[in-house]
PDB file of N, CA and C in Angstrom:
ATOM      1  N   MET A   1      28.487  20.024 121.623  1.00  0.00           N
ATOM      2  CA  MET A   1      28.971  18.697 121.709  1.00  0.00           C
ATOM      3  C   MET A   1      28.131  18.021 122.741  1.00  0.00           C
ATOM      4  N   THR A   2      27.921  16.776 122.478  1.00  0.00           N
ATOM      5  CA  THR A   2      26.966  15.947 123.334  1.00  0.00           C
ATOM      6  C   THR A   2      27.766  15.391 124.541  1.00  0.00           C
ATOM      7  N   SER A   3      27.039  15.240 125.567  1.00  0.00           N
ATOM      8  CA  SER A   3      27.642  14.670 126.789  1.00  0.00           C
ATOM      9  C   SER A   3      27.632  13.080 126.565  1.00  0.00           C
ATOM     10  N   PRO A   4      28.404  12.361 127.326  1.00  0.00           N
ATOM     11  CA  PRO A   4      28.427  10.902 127.128  1.00  0.00           C
ATOM     12  C   PRO A   4      27.013  10.220 127.225  1.00  0.00           C
ATOM     13  N   SER A   5      26.179  10.854 128.139  1.00  0.00           N
ATOM     14  CA  SER A   5      24.887  10.218 128.239  1.00  0.00           C
ATOM     15  C   SER A   5      23.928  10.546 127.011  1.00  0.00           C
ATOM     16  N   GLN A   6      24.364  11.558 126.222  1.00  0.00           N
ATOM     17  CA  GLN A   6      23.530  12.016 125.011  1.00  0.00           C
ATOM     18  C   GLN A   6      24.179  11.398 123.743  1.00  0.00           C
ATOM     19  N   THR A   7      25.176  10.678 123.879  1.00  0.00           N
ATOM     20  CA  THR A   7      25.801  10.051 122.688  1.00  0.00           C
ATOM     21  C   THR A   7      24.881   9.060 122.058  1.00  0.00           C
ATOM     22  N   PRO A   8      24.531   9.128 120.802  1.00  0.00           N
ATOM     23  CA  PRO A   8      23.626   8.248 120.183  1.00  0.00           C
ATOM     24  C   PRO A   8      24.107   6.864 120.176  1.00  0.00           C
ATOM     25  N   PRO A   9      23.222   5.834 120.365  1.00  0.00           N
ATOM     26  CA  PRO A   9      23.645   4.459 120.355  1.00  0.00           C
ATOM     27  C   PRO A   9      24.420   4.169 119.119  1.00  0.00           C
ATOM     28  N   GLY A  10      25.500   3.447 119.242  1.00  0.00           N
ATOM     29  CA  GLY A  10      26.330   3.055 118.103  1.00  0.00           C
ATOM     30  C   GLY A  10      27.386   4.174 117.745  1.00  0.00           C
ATOM     31  N   ASP A  11      27.325   5.287 118.425  1.00  0.00           N
ATOM     32  CA  ASP A  11      28.321   6.316 118.110  1.00  0.00           C
ATOM     33  C   ASP A  11      29.594   6.105 119.006  1.00  0.00           C
ATOM     34  N   ASP A  12      30.528   5.600 118.417  1.00  0.00           N
ATOM     35  CA  ASP A  12      31.781   5.266 119.152  1.00  0.00           C
ATOM     36  C   ASP A  12      32.847   6.373 119.074  1.00  0.00           C
ATOM     37  N   SER A  13      32.560   7.426 118.455  1.00  0.00           N
ATOM     38  CA  SER A  13      33.496   8.456 118.312  1.00  0.00           C
ATOM     39  C   SER A  13      34.091   9.115 119.573  1.00  0.00           C
ATOM     40  N   ALA A  14      33.198   9.361 120.553  1.00  0.00           N
ATOM     41  CA  ALA A  14      33.687  10.037 121.791  1.00  0.00           C
ATOM     42  C   ALA A  14      34.628   9.112 122.594  1.00  0.00           C
ATOM     43  N   PRO A  15      34.246   7.881 122.879  1.00  0.00           N
ATOM     44  CA  PRO A  15      35.235   7.062 123.705  1.00  0.00           C
ATOM     45  C   PRO A  15      36.507   6.807 122.921  1.00  0.00           C
ATOM     46  N   ALA A  16      36.307   6.543 121.574  1.00  0.00           N
ATOM     47  CA  ALA A  16      37.503   6.178 120.717  1.00  0.00           C
ATOM     48  C   ALA A  16      38.446   7.441 120.713  1.00  0.00           C
ATOM     49  N   ASN A  17      37.907   8.583 120.601  1.00  0.00           N
ATOM     50  CA  ASN A  17      38.674   9.778 120.495  1.00  0.00           C
ATOM     51  C   ASN A  17      39.474  10.063 121.765  1.00  0.00           C
ATOM     52  N   VAL A  18      38.770   9.889 122.881  1.00  0.00           N
ATOM     53  CA  VAL A  18      39.355  10.069 124.239  1.00  0.00           C
ATOM     54  C   VAL A  18      40.597   9.140 124.301  1.00  0.00           C
ATOM     55  N   LEU A  19      40.439   7.869 123.949  1.00  0.00           N
ATOM     56  CA  LEU A  19      41.554   6.957 124.008  1.00  0.00           C
ATOM     57  C   LEU A  19      42.634   7.275 123.086  1.00  0.00           C
ATOM     58  N   LEU A  20      42.260   7.623 121.828  1.00  0.00           N
ATOM     59  CA  LEU A  20      43.269   7.957 120.828  1.00  0.00           C
ATOM     60  C   LEU A  20      44.060   9.268 121.259  1.00  0.00           C
ATOM     61  N   LEU A  21      43.416  10.276 121.744  1.00  0.00           N
ATOM     62  CA  LEU A  21      44.148  11.437 122.167  1.00  0.00           C
ATOM     63  C   LEU A  21      45.094  11.199 123.358  1.00  0.00           C
ATOM     64  N   ALA A  22      44.563  10.306 124.328  1.00  0.00           N
ATOM     65  CA  ALA A  22      45.402  10.023 125.402  1.00  0.00           C
ATOM     66  C   ALA A  22      46.625   9.230 124.985  1.00  0.00           C
ATOM     67  N   ALA A  23      46.462   8.329 124.015  1.00  0.00           N
ATOM     68  CA  ALA A  23      47.541   7.517 123.565  1.00  0.00           C
ATOM     69  C   ALA A  23      48.521   8.299 122.806  1.00  0.00           C
ATOM     70  N   LYS A  24      48.092   9.330 122.022  1.00  0.00           N
ATOM     71  CA  LYS A  24      48.954  10.169 121.331  1.00  0.00           C
ATOM     72  C   LYS A  24      49.716  11.163 122.248  1.00  0.00           C
ATOM     73  N   ALA A  25      49.043  11.638 123.354  1.00  0.00           N
ATOM     74  CA  ALA A  25      49.684  12.566 124.316  1.00  0.00           C
ATOM     75  C   ALA A  25      50.698  11.904 125.280  1.00  0.00           C
ATOM     76  N   ASP A  26      50.477  10.590 125.473  1.00  0.00           N
ATOM     77  CA  ASP A  26      51.379   9.953 126.414  1.00  0.00           C
ATOM     78  C   ASP A  26      51.730   8.551 125.776  1.00  0.00           C
ATOM     79  N   PRO A  27      52.984   8.556 125.225  1.00  0.00           N
ATOM     80  CA  PRO A  27      53.441   7.311 124.633  1.00  0.00           C
ATOM     81  C   PRO A  27      53.367   6.043 125.521  1.00  0.00           C
ATOM     82  N   SER A  28      53.667   6.213 126.788  1.00  0.00           N
ATOM     83  CA  SER A  28      53.578   4.956 127.626  1.00  0.00           C
ATOM     84  C   SER A  28      52.188   4.545 127.772  1.00  0.00           C
ATOM     85  N   PHE A  29      51.169   5.411 127.857  1.00  0.00           N
ATOM     86  CA  PHE A  29      49.690   4.983 127.875  1.00  0.00           C
ATOM     87  C   PHE A  29      49.402   4.342 126.583  1.00  0.00           C
ATOM     88  N   GLY A  30      49.865   4.872 125.449  1.00  0.00           N
ATOM     89  CA  GLY A  30      49.582   4.360 124.127  1.00  0.00           C
ATOM     90  C   GLY A  30      50.071   2.887 124.076  1.00  0.00           C
ATOM     91  N   GLU A  31      51.340   2.648 124.522  1.00  0.00           N
ATOM     92  CA  GLU A  31      51.842   1.260 124.571  1.00  0.00           C
ATOM     93  C   GLU A  31      51.034   0.318 125.481  1.00  0.00           C
ATOM     94  N   GLU A  32      50.704   0.848 126.620  1.00  0.00           N
ATOM     95  CA  GLU A  32      49.799   0.033 127.558  1.00  0.00           C
ATOM     96  C   GLU A  32      48.426  -0.274 126.876  1.00  0.00           C
ATOM     97  N   LEU A  33      47.879   0.701 126.208  1.00  0.00           N
ATOM     98  CA  LEU A  33      46.668   0.458 125.457  1.00  0.00           C
ATOM     99  C   LEU A  33      46.856  -0.610 124.378  1.00  0.00           C
ATOM    100  N   ARG A  34      47.870  -0.466 123.591  1.00  0.00           N
ATOM    101  CA  ARG A  34      48.139  -1.527 122.561  1.00  0.00           C
ATOM    102  C   ARG A  34      48.313  -2.856 123.208  1.00  0.00           C
ATOM    103  N   ASN A  35      48.979  -3.017 124.372  1.00  0.00           N
ATOM    104  CA  ASN A  35      49.145  -4.242 124.977  1.00  0.00           C
ATOM    105  C   ASN A  35      47.845  -4.850 125.486  1.00  0.00           C
ATOM    106  N   ILE A  36      46.974  -4.043 126.038  1.00  0.00           N
ATOM    107  CA  ILE A  36      45.670  -4.489 126.462  1.00  0.00           C
ATOM    108  C   ILE A  36      44.842  -4.974 125.187  1.00  0.00           C
ATOM    109  N   LEU A  37      44.929  -4.192 124.098  1.00  0.00           N
ATOM    110  CA  LEU A  37      44.214  -4.601 122.901  1.00  0.00           C
ATOM    111  C   LEU A  37      44.638  -5.860 122.296  1.00  0.00           C
ATOM    112  N   ARG A  38      45.930  -6.296 122.592  1.00  0.00           N
ATOM    113  CA  ARG A  38      46.376  -7.556 122.067  1.00  0.00           C
ATOM    114  C   ARG A  38      45.995  -8.785 122.984  1.00  0.00           C
ATOM    115  N   LEU A  39      45.518  -8.549 124.136  1.00  0.00           N
ATOM    116  CA  LEU A  39      45.035  -9.671 124.986  1.00  0.00           C
ATOM    117  C   LEU A  39      43.877 -10.406 124.465  1.00  0.00           C
ATOM    118  N   PRO A  40      43.830 -11.659 124.723  1.00  0.00           N
ATOM    119  CA  PRO A  40      42.594 -12.452 124.361  1.00  0.00           C
ATOM    120  C   PRO A  40      41.347 -11.819 125.102  1.00  0.00           C
ATOM    121  N   GLY A  41      40.237 -11.991 124.423  1.00  0.00           N
ATOM    122  CA  GLY A  41      38.991 -11.422 124.958  1.00  0.00           C
ATOM    123  C   GLY A  41      38.703 -11.478 126.409  1.00  0.00           C
ATOM    124  N   ILE A  42      38.756 -12.794 126.959  1.00  0.00           N
ATOM    125  CA  ILE A  42      38.440 -12.916 128.354  1.00  0.00           C
ATOM    126  C   ILE A  42      39.424 -12.203 129.332  1.00  0.00           C
ATOM    127  N   GLN A  43      40.675 -12.265 128.940  1.00  0.00           N
ATOM    128  CA  GLN A  43      41.655 -11.543 129.784  1.00  0.00           C
ATOM    129  C   GLN A  43      41.455 -10.050 129.692  1.00  0.00           C
ATOM    130  N   ARG A  44      41.293  -9.517 128.494  1.00  0.00           N
ATOM    131  CA  ARG A  44      41.051  -8.131 128.247  1.00  0.00           C
ATOM    132  C   ARG A  44      39.840  -7.643 129.096  1.00  0.00           C
ATOM    133  N   ARG A  45      38.777  -8.352 128.922  1.00  0.00           N
ATOM    134  CA  ARG A  45      37.527  -7.889 129.595  1.00  0.00           C
ATOM    135  C   ARG A  45      37.735  -7.960 131.194  1.00  0.00           C
ATOM    136  N   ALA A  46      38.440  -8.920 131.678  1.00  0.00           N
ATOM    137  CA  ALA A  46      38.608  -8.986 133.080  1.00  0.00           C
ATOM    138  C   ALA A  46      39.510  -7.807 133.565  1.00  0.00           C
ATOM    139  N   MET A  47      40.501  -7.473 132.808  1.00  0.00           N
ATOM    140  CA  MET A  47      41.377  -6.327 133.122  1.00  0.00           C
ATOM    141  C   MET A  47      40.624  -5.051 133.028  1.00  0.00           C
ATOM    142  N   VAL A  48      39.776  -4.913 132.027  1.00  0.00           N
ATOM    143  CA  VAL A  48      39.068  -3.613 131.812  1.00  0.00           C
ATOM    144  C   VAL A  48      37.990  -3.537 132.945  1.00  0.00           C
ATOM    145  N   HIS A  49      37.321  -4.529 133.300  1.00  0.00           N
ATOM    146  CA  HIS A  49      36.287  -4.514 134.351  1.00  0.00           C
ATOM    147  C   HIS A  49      36.895  -4.162 135.696  1.00  0.00           C
ATOM    148  N   ALA A  50      38.035  -4.696 136.028  1.00  0.00           N
ATOM    149  CA  ALA A  50      38.824  -4.374 137.266  1.00  0.00           C
ATOM    150  C   ALA A  50      39.203  -2.894 137.195  1.00  0.00           C
ATOM    151  N   ALA A  51      39.691  -2.435 136.075  1.00  0.00           N
ATOM    152  CA  ALA A  51      40.054  -0.984 135.989  1.00  0.00           C
ATOM    153  C   ALA A  51      38.817  -0.066 136.129  1.00  0.00           C
ATOM    154  N   LEU A  52      37.742  -0.479 135.525  1.00  0.00           N
ATOM    155  CA  LEU A  52      36.509   0.307 135.658  1.00  0.00           C
ATOM    156  C   LEU A  52      35.957   0.420 137.041  1.00  0.00           C
ATOM    157  N   GLU A  53      36.063  -0.724 137.727  1.00  0.00           N
ATOM    158  CA  GLU A  53      35.641  -0.716 139.142  1.00  0.00           C
ATOM    159  C   GLU A  53      36.450   0.245 140.042  1.00  0.00           C
ATOM    160  N   ALA A  54      37.749   0.226 139.721  1.00  0.00           N
ATOM    161  CA  ALA A  54      38.656   1.130 140.485  1.00  0.00           C
ATOM    162  C   ALA A  54      38.402   2.535 140.128  1.00  0.00           C
ATOM    163  N   MET A  55      38.212   2.792 138.812  1.00  0.00           N
ATOM    164  CA  MET A  55      37.863   4.140 138.383  1.00  0.00           C
ATOM    165  C   MET A  55      36.539   4.666 139.079  1.00  0.00           C
ATOM    166  N   ARG A  56      35.540   3.813 139.181  1.00  0.00           N
ATOM    167  CA  ARG A  56      34.284   4.220 139.755  1.00  0.00           C
ATOM    168  C   ARG A  56      34.508   4.585 141.237  1.00  0.00           C
ATOM    169  N   ILE A  57      35.242   3.698 141.914  1.00  0.00           N
ATOM    170  CA  ILE A  57      35.500   3.966 143.343  1.00  0.00           C
ATOM    171  C   ILE A  57      36.302   5.340 143.549  1.00  0.00           C
ATOM    172  N   GLN A  58      37.191   5.600 142.574  1.00  0.00           N
ATOM    173  CA  GLN A  58      37.956   6.787 142.621  1.00  0.00           C
ATOM    174  C   GLN A  58      37.118   8.059 142.136  1.00  0.00           C
ATOM    175  N   ARG A  59      35.899   7.756 141.550  1.00  0.00           N
ATOM    176  CA  ARG A  59      35.121   8.828 141.021  1.00  0.00           C
ATOM    177  C   ARG A  59      35.811   9.525 139.829  1.00  0.00           C
ATOM    178  N   ALA A  60      36.297   8.694 138.929  1.00  0.00           N
ATOM    179  CA  ALA A  60      36.930   9.240 137.754  1.00  0.00           C
ATOM    180  C   ALA A  60      35.982   9.933 136.820  1.00  0.00           C
ATOM    181  N   ASP A  61      36.500  10.710 135.884  1.00  0.00           N
ATOM    182  CA  ASP A  61      35.624  11.397 134.931  1.00  0.00           C
ATOM    183  C   ASP A  61      34.840  10.415 134.215  1.00  0.00           C
ATOM    184  N   PRO A  62      33.466  10.671 134.141  1.00  0.00           N
ATOM    185  CA  PRO A  62      32.590   9.690 133.408  1.00  0.00           C
ATOM    186  C   PRO A  62      32.968   9.472 131.938  1.00  0.00           C
ATOM    187  N   LEU A  63      33.502  10.454 131.311  1.00  0.00           N
ATOM    188  CA  LEU A  63      33.891  10.302 129.879  1.00  0.00           C
ATOM    189  C   LEU A  63      35.068   9.323 129.851  1.00  0.00           C
ATOM    190  N   LEU A  64      36.070   9.377 130.784  1.00  0.00           N
ATOM    191  CA  LEU A  64      37.151   8.514 130.824  1.00  0.00           C
ATOM    192  C   LEU A  64      36.654   7.069 131.110  1.00  0.00           C
ATOM    193  N   ILE A  65      35.697   6.936 132.022  1.00  0.00           N
ATOM    194  CA  ILE A  65      35.117   5.574 132.340  1.00  0.00           C
ATOM    195  C   ILE A  65      34.500   5.043 131.069  1.00  0.00           C
ATOM    196  N   GLN A  66      33.612   5.885 130.386  1.00  0.00           N
ATOM    197  CA  GLN A  66      33.086   5.413 129.095  1.00  0.00           C
ATOM    198  C   GLN A  66      34.087   4.917 128.120  1.00  0.00           C
ATOM    199  N   ALA A  67      35.261   5.698 127.966  1.00  0.00           N
ATOM    200  CA  ALA A  67      36.278   5.364 127.058  1.00  0.00           C
ATOM    201  C   ALA A  67      36.906   4.057 127.351  1.00  0.00           C
ATOM    202  N   VAL A  68      37.204   3.820 128.669  1.00  0.00           N
ATOM    203  CA  VAL A  68      37.833   2.511 128.986  1.00  0.00           C
ATOM    204  C   VAL A  68      36.812   1.455 128.781  1.00  0.00           C
ATOM    205  N   ALA A  69      35.543   1.644 129.166  1.00  0.00           N
ATOM    206  CA  ALA A  69      34.557   0.604 128.976  1.00  0.00           C
ATOM    207  C   ALA A  69      34.427   0.200 127.492  1.00  0.00           C
ATOM    208  N   PHE A  70      34.781   1.101 126.549  1.00  0.00           N
ATOM    209  CA  PHE A  70      34.700   0.902 125.125  1.00  0.00           C
ATOM    210  C   PHE A  70      35.545  -0.264 124.721  1.00  0.00           C
ATOM    211  N   ILE A  71      36.692  -0.504 125.356  1.00  0.00           N
ATOM    212  CA  ILE A  71      37.574  -1.566 124.898  1.00  0.00           C
ATOM    213  C   ILE A  71      37.237  -2.795 125.562  1.00  0.00           C
ATOM    214  N   ALA A  72      36.252  -2.965 126.359  1.00  0.00           N
ATOM    215  CA  ALA A  72      35.811  -4.266 126.895  1.00  0.00           C
ATOM    216  C   ALA A  72      35.071  -5.000 125.844  1.00  0.00           C
ATOM    217  N   ASP A  73      34.567  -4.340 124.849  1.00  0.00           N
ATOM    218  CA  ASP A  73      33.773  -4.958 123.767  1.00  0.00           C
ATOM    219  C   ASP A  73      34.610  -5.167 122.551  1.00  0.00           C
ATOM    220  N   ASP A  74      34.451  -6.327 121.875  1.00  0.00           N
ATOM    221  CA  ASP A  74      35.247  -6.639 120.739  1.00  0.00           C
ATOM    222  C   ASP A  74      35.182  -5.624 119.552  1.00  0.00           C
ATOM    223  N   ALA A  75      34.011  -5.062 119.471  1.00  0.00           N
ATOM    224  CA  ALA A  75      33.853  -3.979 118.413  1.00  0.00           C
ATOM    225  C   ALA A  75      34.680  -2.797 118.719  1.00  0.00           C
ATOM    226  N   GLY A  76      34.729  -2.412 120.008  1.00  0.00           N
ATOM    227  CA  GLY A  76      35.587  -1.322 120.467  1.00  0.00           C
ATOM    228  C   GLY A  76      37.060  -1.600 120.299  1.00  0.00           C
ATOM    229  N   VAL A  77      37.407  -2.779 120.484  1.00  0.00           N
ATOM    230  CA  VAL A  77      38.853  -3.214 120.343  1.00  0.00           C
ATOM    231  C   VAL A  77      39.200  -3.102 118.825  1.00  0.00           C
ATOM    232  N   ALA A  78      38.336  -3.582 117.911  1.00  0.00           N
ATOM    233  CA  ALA A  78      38.590  -3.535 116.515  1.00  0.00           C
ATOM    234  C   ALA A  78      38.665  -2.058 116.030  1.00  0.00           C
ATOM    235  N   LYS A  79      37.854  -1.189 116.613  1.00  0.00           N
ATOM    236  CA  LYS A  79      37.857   0.230 116.219  1.00  0.00           C
ATOM    237  C   LYS A  79      39.216   0.837 116.700  1.00  0.00           C
ATOM    238  N   MET A  80      39.613   0.565 117.962  1.00  0.00           N
ATOM    239  CA  MET A  80      40.821   1.182 118.418  1.00  0.00           C
ATOM    240  C   MET A  80      42.113   0.617 117.758  1.00  0.00           C
ATOM    241  N   ARG A  81      42.091  -0.612 117.418  1.00  0.00           N
ATOM    242  CA  ARG A  81      43.261  -1.164 116.635  1.00  0.00           C
ATOM    243  C   ARG A  81      43.399  -0.471 115.380  1.00  0.00           C
ATOM    244  N   GLU A  82      42.183  -0.225 114.637  1.00  0.00           N
ATOM    245  CA  GLU A  82      42.226   0.432 113.389  1.00  0.00           C
ATOM    246  C   GLU A  82      42.739   1.893 113.504  1.00  0.00           C
ATOM    247  N   LEU A  83      42.238   2.582 114.502  1.00  0.00           N
ATOM    248  CA  LEU A  83      42.681   3.991 114.792  1.00  0.00           C
ATOM    249  C   LEU A  83      44.145   4.049 115.121  1.00  0.00           C
ATOM    250  N   LEU A  84      44.656   3.196 115.919  1.00  0.00           N
ATOM    251  CA  LEU A  84      45.992   3.263 116.382  1.00  0.00           C
ATOM    252  C   LEU A  84      47.029   2.953 115.289  1.00  0.00           C
ATOM    253  N   GLN A  85      46.622   2.218 114.293  1.00  0.00           N
ATOM    254  CA  GLN A  85      47.426   1.892 113.126  1.00  0.00           C
ATOM    255  C   GLN A  85      47.626   3.003 112.185  1.00  0.00           C
ATOM    256  N   GLN A  86      46.794   4.064 112.259  1.00  0.00           N
ATOM    257  CA  GLN A  86      46.806   5.187 111.269  1.00  0.00           C
ATOM    258  C   GLN A  86      47.962   6.138 111.745  1.00  0.00           C
TER     259      GLN A  86
END
């Protein structure tokens, strides 16, 4: 398995899978994730960037940071919405 720094450009499977597994493991996280994905772009990005800054300060797992950063981008949001509907 590749590390986050070795993930090929455009490969969104690692961050998407981390979020998907977390959402399935913890229904309250899944609901919070869905609520974030419903936010308009500017609000979502502001919320995600604030969360990322807090995670970096707390020295969170880099894979988790990468996963959260994934939903700051509109393409990441579209992918997660698709995965969460399945």
